[in-house]
Amino acid sequence: MAKPIYVLNGPNLNLLGSREPEVYGKETLDDVRARCERRAAALGFSIDFRQSNHEGELVAWIQEARDGAAGLIVNAGAFTHTSIAMLDALLAC
C-alpha cells in the first residue's frame, strides 16, 4: 500500500469555524480535512490528517513522516513564528 501524505495542523486550528470567524472564516478543520481527502483521492493519494496543540507531538509526527509518508503538508499555526524545534525537524526531512 502506498504511503499517505501527512497533513499536520498546529495549535488552535481545531477551533477553526468558531474562533474569530470574521478573521478566519467559517470553515472548520473537518471541512479542511474533507477538502484535502477529496483532492488527495483525485490524485491517487490518501492522507493522514492530524492536529495538535502540543509542539513536541508535532515534532514527533514530522520525524515520523521522514519514513512513513509520501509527502508532508504542515500548517503550523502560531508555531510558524516561534518553533525552532519544528524548523529543525522539517530541515531534517
N, C-alpha and C. Protein backbone atom coordinates (compact mmCIF):
# COMPACT_ATOMS: atom_id res chain seq x y z
N MET A 1 0.84 -1.19 0.00
CA MET A 1 0.00 0.00 0.00
C MET A 1 0.88 1.25 0.00
N ALA A 2 0.47 2.23 -0.74
CA ALA A 2 1.24 3.48 -0.84
C ALA A 2 1.22 4.24 0.48
N LYS A 3 2.29 4.94 0.72
CA LYS A 3 2.37 5.77 1.92
C LYS A 3 1.44 6.97 1.77
N PRO A 4 0.82 7.41 2.88
CA PRO A 4 -0.06 8.57 2.82
C PRO A 4 0.73 9.88 2.82
N ILE A 5 0.05 10.92 2.48
CA ILE A 5 0.57 12.28 2.68
C ILE A 5 0.12 12.72 4.06
N TYR A 6 1.06 13.14 4.88
CA TYR A 6 0.71 13.65 6.20
C TYR A 6 0.28 15.11 6.05
N VAL A 7 -0.82 15.44 6.70
CA VAL A 7 -1.29 16.82 6.78
C VAL A 7 -1.36 17.15 8.28
N LEU A 8 -0.43 17.97 8.73
CA LEU A 8 -0.31 18.29 10.15
C LEU A 8 -0.77 19.71 10.42
N ASN A 9 -1.59 19.85 11.45
CA ASN A 9 -2.18 21.14 11.81
C ASN A 9 -1.82 21.48 13.24
N GLY A 10 -1.40 22.71 13.46
CA GLY A 10 -0.90 23.14 14.75
C GLY A 10 -1.95 23.70 15.69
N PRO A 11 -1.48 24.45 16.68
CA PRO A 11 -2.32 24.89 17.78
C PRO A 11 -3.49 25.76 17.36
N ASN A 12 -4.60 25.48 18.01
CA ASN A 12 -5.86 26.22 17.89
C ASN A 12 -6.56 26.03 16.55
N LEU A 13 -5.98 25.25 15.64
CA LEU A 13 -6.66 25.03 14.37
C LEU A 13 -7.89 24.15 14.54
N ASN A 14 -7.99 23.44 15.66
CA ASN A 14 -9.21 22.70 15.99
C ASN A 14 -10.38 23.65 16.24
N LEU A 15 -10.10 24.93 16.42
CA LEU A 15 -11.16 25.92 16.67
C LEU A 15 -11.61 26.65 15.41
N LEU A 16 -11.07 26.26 14.26
CA LEU A 16 -11.50 26.90 13.00
C LEU A 16 -13.02 26.83 12.87
N GLY A 17 -13.59 27.90 12.40
CA GLY A 17 -15.03 27.97 12.22
C GLY A 17 -15.76 28.59 13.40
N SER A 18 -15.15 28.51 14.59
CA SER A 18 -15.79 29.09 15.77
C SER A 18 -14.96 30.21 16.39
N ARG A 19 -13.67 30.19 16.20
CA ARG A 19 -12.80 31.23 16.77
C ARG A 19 -12.63 32.35 15.75
N GLU A 20 -13.09 33.52 16.09
CA GLU A 20 -12.98 34.70 15.24
C GLU A 20 -13.33 34.42 13.77
N PRO A 21 -14.56 33.98 13.52
CA PRO A 21 -14.93 33.66 12.14
C PRO A 21 -14.84 34.86 11.20
N GLU A 22 -14.91 36.06 11.75
CA GLU A 22 -14.76 37.25 10.92
C GLU A 22 -13.32 37.41 10.41
N VAL A 23 -12.38 36.77 11.07
CA VAL A 23 -10.98 36.80 10.66
C VAL A 23 -10.61 35.52 9.90
N TYR A 24 -10.98 34.37 10.47
CA TYR A 24 -10.53 33.08 9.94
C TYR A 24 -11.57 32.37 9.08
N GLY A 25 -12.76 32.92 9.00
CA GLY A 25 -13.81 32.29 8.20
C GLY A 25 -14.61 31.26 8.98
N LYS A 26 -15.58 30.67 8.31
CA LYS A 26 -16.48 29.72 8.96
C LYS A 26 -16.12 28.26 8.68
N GLU A 27 -15.12 28.04 7.84
CA GLU A 27 -14.71 26.68 7.52
C GLU A 27 -14.07 26.02 8.74
N THR A 28 -14.52 24.82 9.07
CA THR A 28 -13.98 24.08 10.22
C THR A 28 -12.80 23.22 9.79
N LEU A 29 -12.09 22.69 10.77
CA LEU A 29 -10.99 21.79 10.46
C LEU A 29 -11.50 20.52 9.78
N ASP A 30 -12.70 20.08 10.15
CA ASP A 30 -13.30 18.93 9.45
C ASP A 30 -13.57 19.25 7.99
N ASP A 31 -13.97 20.49 7.70
CA ASP A 31 -14.16 20.91 6.31
C ASP A 31 -12.83 20.86 5.55
N VAL A 32 -11.77 21.32 6.19
CA VAL A 32 -10.44 21.29 5.57
C VAL A 32 -10.03 19.84 5.32
N ARG A 33 -10.27 18.98 6.30
CA ARG A 33 -9.94 17.56 6.15
C ARG A 33 -10.68 16.96 4.94
N ALA A 34 -11.96 17.23 4.83
CA ALA A 34 -12.74 16.68 3.73
C ALA A 34 -12.21 17.18 2.38
N ARG A 35 -11.86 18.45 2.32
CA ARG A 35 -11.31 19.01 1.08
C ARG A 35 -9.98 18.35 0.72
N CYS A 36 -9.13 18.17 1.72
CA CYS A 36 -7.84 17.51 1.49
C CYS A 36 -8.03 16.06 1.05
N GLU A 37 -8.96 15.35 1.67
CA GLU A 37 -9.21 13.96 1.30
C GLU A 37 -9.70 13.85 -0.14
N ARG A 38 -10.61 14.73 -0.54
CA ARG A 38 -11.12 14.70 -1.93
C ARG A 38 -10.00 14.97 -2.92
N ARG A 39 -9.20 15.97 -2.65
CA ARG A 39 -8.12 16.33 -3.58
C ARG A 39 -7.07 15.22 -3.66
N ALA A 40 -6.71 14.68 -2.51
CA ALA A 40 -5.73 13.59 -2.49
C ALA A 40 -6.25 12.38 -3.26
N ALA A 41 -7.50 12.02 -3.04
CA ALA A 41 -8.08 10.87 -3.74
C ALA A 41 -8.08 11.09 -5.24
N ALA A 42 -8.38 12.31 -5.67
CA ALA A 42 -8.39 12.62 -7.10
C ALA A 42 -7.00 12.46 -7.71
N LEU A 43 -5.97 12.59 -6.89
CA LEU A 43 -4.59 12.46 -7.36
C LEU A 43 -3.99 11.08 -7.07
N GLY A 44 -4.81 10.20 -6.50
CA GLY A 44 -4.35 8.84 -6.22
C GLY A 44 -3.61 8.67 -4.91
N PHE A 45 -3.83 9.58 -3.97
CA PHE A 45 -3.17 9.51 -2.67
C PHE A 45 -4.20 9.38 -1.56
N SER A 46 -3.73 8.96 -0.41
CA SER A 46 -4.52 9.04 0.81
C SER A 46 -3.81 10.04 1.72
N ILE A 47 -4.52 10.49 2.74
CA ILE A 47 -3.90 11.43 3.69
C ILE A 47 -4.01 10.89 5.10
N ASP A 48 -3.10 11.32 5.92
CA ASP A 48 -3.13 11.09 7.35
C ASP A 48 -3.21 12.49 7.96
N PHE A 49 -4.40 12.88 8.38
CA PHE A 49 -4.71 14.25 8.80
C PHE A 49 -4.67 14.31 10.32
N ARG A 50 -3.85 15.18 10.88
CA ARG A 50 -3.68 15.27 12.33
C ARG A 50 -3.65 16.73 12.79
N GLN A 51 -4.03 16.92 14.06
CA GLN A 51 -3.97 18.25 14.68
C GLN A 51 -3.49 18.08 16.10
N SER A 52 -2.63 19.00 16.54
CA SER A 52 -2.19 19.00 17.93
C SER A 52 -1.92 20.43 18.39
N ASN A 53 -2.18 20.64 19.67
CA ASN A 53 -1.84 21.91 20.30
C ASN A 53 -0.47 21.84 20.97
N HIS A 54 0.24 20.72 20.80
CA HIS A 54 1.49 20.48 21.51
C HIS A 54 2.67 20.39 20.53
N GLU A 55 3.63 21.26 20.73
CA GLU A 55 4.79 21.35 19.83
C GLU A 55 5.55 20.03 19.73
N GLY A 56 5.79 19.38 20.85
CA GLY A 56 6.54 18.13 20.84
C GLY A 56 5.86 17.04 20.04
N GLU A 57 4.55 16.99 20.11
CA GLU A 57 3.80 15.99 19.34
C GLU A 57 3.93 16.27 17.84
N LEU A 58 3.85 17.54 17.46
CA LEU A 58 4.03 17.90 16.05
C LEU A 58 5.44 17.56 15.57
N VAL A 59 6.45 17.81 16.39
CA VAL A 59 7.83 17.46 16.03
C VAL A 59 7.94 15.94 15.83
N ALA A 60 7.34 15.16 16.72
CA ALA A 60 7.39 13.70 16.59
C ALA A 60 6.73 13.25 15.29
N TRP A 61 5.62 13.86 14.92
CA TRP A 61 4.93 13.50 13.67
C TRP A 61 5.77 13.88 12.45
N ILE A 62 6.44 15.02 12.52
CA ILE A 62 7.31 15.43 11.40
C ILE A 62 8.43 14.41 11.25
N GLN A 63 9.02 13.99 12.35
CA GLN A 63 10.08 12.99 12.29
C GLN A 63 9.55 11.66 11.76
N GLU A 64 8.36 11.28 12.16
CA GLU A 64 7.72 10.05 11.69
C GLU A 64 7.50 10.09 10.18
N ALA A 65 7.20 11.27 9.67
CA ALA A 65 6.92 11.43 8.23
C ALA A 65 8.15 11.15 7.37
N ARG A 66 9.33 11.27 7.93
CA ARG A 66 10.56 11.03 7.16
C ARG A 66 10.52 9.69 6.46
N ASP A 67 10.04 8.67 7.14
CA ASP A 67 9.99 7.33 6.57
C ASP A 67 8.57 6.85 6.31
N GLY A 68 7.60 7.46 6.97
CA GLY A 68 6.25 6.93 6.91
C GLY A 68 5.30 7.62 5.96
N ALA A 69 5.75 8.67 5.28
CA ALA A 69 4.82 9.45 4.45
C ALA A 69 5.37 9.65 3.05
N ALA A 70 4.46 9.77 2.12
CA ALA A 70 4.82 10.10 0.73
C ALA A 70 5.10 11.59 0.59
N GLY A 71 4.56 12.37 1.50
CA GLY A 71 4.75 13.82 1.49
C GLY A 71 4.28 14.39 2.81
N LEU A 72 4.53 15.66 3.00
CA LEU A 72 4.21 16.32 4.26
C LEU A 72 3.72 17.73 3.99
N ILE A 73 2.54 18.04 4.54
CA ILE A 73 1.97 19.39 4.49
C ILE A 73 1.79 19.83 5.94
N VAL A 74 2.31 21.00 6.28
CA VAL A 74 2.23 21.48 7.66
C VAL A 74 1.61 22.87 7.68
N ASN A 75 0.54 23.01 8.46
CA ASN A 75 0.01 24.31 8.82
C ASN A 75 0.33 24.45 10.30
N ALA A 76 1.43 25.09 10.61
CA ALA A 76 1.94 25.14 11.97
C ALA A 76 1.19 26.11 12.88
N GLY A 77 0.25 26.87 12.33
CA GLY A 77 -0.46 27.84 13.16
C GLY A 77 0.53 28.81 13.79
N ALA A 78 0.33 29.09 15.06
CA ALA A 78 1.18 30.06 15.76
C ALA A 78 2.64 29.61 15.83
N PHE A 79 2.89 28.30 15.74
CA PHE A 79 4.28 27.82 15.77
C PHE A 79 5.06 28.24 14.54
N THR A 80 4.38 28.71 13.51
CA THR A 80 5.06 29.22 12.32
C THR A 80 6.08 30.29 12.71
N HIS A 81 5.74 31.09 13.71
CA HIS A 81 6.56 32.24 14.10
C HIS A 81 7.57 31.94 15.20
N THR A 82 7.38 30.80 15.91
CA THR A 82 8.15 30.63 17.14
C THR A 82 8.89 29.32 17.30
N SER A 83 8.59 28.31 16.50
CA SER A 83 9.10 26.97 16.80
C SER A 83 10.40 26.65 16.06
N ILE A 84 11.50 26.80 16.77
CA ILE A 84 12.80 26.37 16.23
C ILE A 84 12.82 24.84 16.16
N ALA A 85 12.18 24.17 17.12
CA ALA A 85 12.15 22.71 17.13
C ALA A 85 11.46 22.16 15.88
N MET A 86 10.36 22.76 15.48
CA MET A 86 9.67 22.30 14.26
C MET A 86 10.51 22.60 13.03
N LEU A 87 11.15 23.75 13.00
CA LEU A 87 12.02 24.09 11.87
C LEU A 87 13.15 23.07 11.75
N ASP A 88 13.78 22.73 12.85
CA ASP A 88 14.85 21.75 12.82
C ASP A 88 14.35 20.40 12.32
N ALA A 89 13.18 19.98 12.78
CA ALA A 89 12.61 18.70 12.33
C ALA A 89 12.32 18.73 10.83
N LEU A 90 11.78 19.84 10.35
CA LEU A 90 11.49 19.96 8.91
C LEU A 90 12.77 19.97 8.09
N LEU A 91 13.81 20.62 8.58
CA LEU A 91 15.08 20.64 7.86
C LEU A 91 15.70 19.24 7.77
N ALA A 92 15.38 18.38 8.72
CA ALA A 92 15.90 17.01 8.72
C ALA A 92 15.16 16.11 7.74
N CYS A 93 14.02 16.58 7.26
CA CYS A 93 13.25 15.75 6.30
C CYS A 93 13.95 15.79 5.01
